Every structure is written in C-alpha cells, then in structure tokens.
C-alpha cells in the first residue's frame, strides 16, 4: 500500500483533488489514516478506481472487491 493524500493522488493521476475526494467518497476508497487535516488513501485503490472509470467498467463498491478483481486481472495477465 502506498499512502497518498488526495492532492498527491491527483498529481499522479492527472486529476483534480476534488475528483479524488469524490471518488473516495462514492466508491469507499481505502483510507489509511490522516496526515494533519488531510485523509490518507491507498494509491493502488485510487488508481484502480481511475482505471475502471477510464476503461468503462463498473467500479466495485468496496476495496475488498477491487482487490479481488485486481488479483484476478493479474492472474489472467500472467497466464
């Protein structure tokens, strides 16, 4: 897990921080804690949400379901 704030994730994903916060709320992104006043998220979870949206797939509504889907995609790619 790579901890990032909404601002850091926005820079990496070329999005606005408010978009990242909206995704985090809507799709219940994995929260790792707080850094001062900012929430810290799991970057891999946010990046997978972004991929689902970009690819036109339905975004799984929990981090656990996204983890399962991400693992299944890796297994398929490795085969």
Protein backbone atom coordinates (compact mmCIF):
# COMPACT_ATOMS: atom_id res chain seq x y z
CA UNK A 1 0.00 0.00 0.00
CA UNK A 2 1.30 3.39 -0.96
CA UNK A 3 -0.17 6.15 1.21
CA UNK A 4 -1.17 9.36 -0.58
CA UNK A 5 -3.32 12.38 0.12
CA UNK A 6 -5.97 13.45 -2.38
CA UNK A 7 -3.60 16.16 -3.61
CA UNK A 8 -0.76 13.70 -4.21
CA UNK A 9 -3.04 11.20 -5.95
CA UNK A 10 -4.44 13.99 -8.11
CA UNK A 11 -0.95 14.91 -9.30
CA UNK A 12 -0.11 11.29 -10.15
CA UNK A 13 -3.43 10.59 -11.90
CA UNK A 14 -3.68 13.98 -13.61
CA UNK A 15 -6.99 14.79 -11.93
CA UNK A 16 -8.24 17.46 -9.56
CA UNK A 17 -8.05 16.78 -5.80
CA UNK A 18 -11.81 17.31 -5.53
CA UNK A 19 -12.28 14.49 -8.08
CA UNK A 20 -10.13 12.17 -5.99
CA UNK A 21 -12.09 13.04 -2.85
CA UNK A 22 -15.37 12.43 -4.72
CA UNK A 23 -14.17 9.01 -5.90
CA UNK A 24 -13.01 8.20 -2.37
CA UNK A 25 -16.45 9.01 -1.02
CA UNK A 26 -18.51 7.45 -3.82
CA UNK A 27 -16.52 4.20 -4.10
CA UNK A 28 -15.39 3.97 -0.47
CA UNK A 29 -11.68 4.06 -1.24
CA UNK A 30 -9.39 2.50 1.34
CA UNK A 31 -8.41 5.11 3.93
CA UNK A 32 -5.11 4.59 5.72
CA UNK A 33 -5.35 7.40 8.25
CA UNK A 34 -4.77 11.12 8.46
CA UNK A 35 -1.85 13.44 7.81
CA UNK A 36 -2.71 16.60 9.68
CA UNK A 37 -6.10 17.67 8.32
CA UNK A 38 -5.90 15.51 5.18
CA UNK A 39 -7.11 11.95 4.75
CA UNK A 40 -4.51 9.47 3.52
CA UNK A 41 -5.66 6.93 0.93
CA UNK A 42 -4.22 3.77 -0.61
CA UNK A 43 -2.86 4.89 -4.00
CA UNK A 44 -3.33 1.46 -5.63
CA UNK A 45 -7.02 1.55 -4.72
CA UNK A 46 -7.48 5.03 -6.19
CA UNK A 47 -5.52 4.10 -9.32
CA UNK A 48 -7.71 1.04 -9.85
CA UNK A 49 -10.84 3.16 -9.44
CA UNK A 50 -9.43 5.51 -12.08
CA UNK A 51 -8.69 2.57 -14.40
CA UNK A 52 -12.23 1.19 -14.03
CA UNK A 53 -13.71 4.58 -14.90
CA UNK A 54 -11.31 5.11 -17.83
CA UNK A 55 -11.92 1.61 -19.23
CA UNK A 56 -15.69 1.94 -18.88
CA UNK A 57 -16.03 -0.82 -16.30
CA UNK A 58 -18.32 -0.74 -13.31
CA UNK A 59 -16.32 0.24 -10.23
CA UNK A 60 -16.65 -2.35 -7.45
CA UNK A 61 -18.19 -0.67 -4.42
CA UNK A 62 -15.70 -1.89 -1.79
CA UNK A 63 -11.92 -2.01 -1.55
CA UNK A 64 -12.05 -5.78 -0.90
CA UNK A 65 -13.96 -6.39 -4.14
CA UNK A 66 -11.49 -4.19 -6.03
CA UNK A 67 -8.60 -6.19 -4.52
CA UNK A 68 -10.20 -9.45 -5.75
CA UNK A 69 -10.74 -8.04 -9.24
CA UNK A 70 -7.20 -6.65 -9.38
CA UNK A 71 -5.77 -10.05 -8.30
CA UNK A 72 -7.89 -11.86 -10.92
CA UNK A 73 -6.65 -9.45 -13.63
CA UNK A 74 -3.03 -10.10 -12.60
CA UNK A 75 -3.55 -13.88 -12.68
CA UNK A 76 -5.12 -13.66 -16.14
CA UNK A 77 -2.31 -11.45 -17.42
CA UNK A 78 0.35 -13.80 -16.05
CA UNK A 79 -1.21 -16.89 -17.65
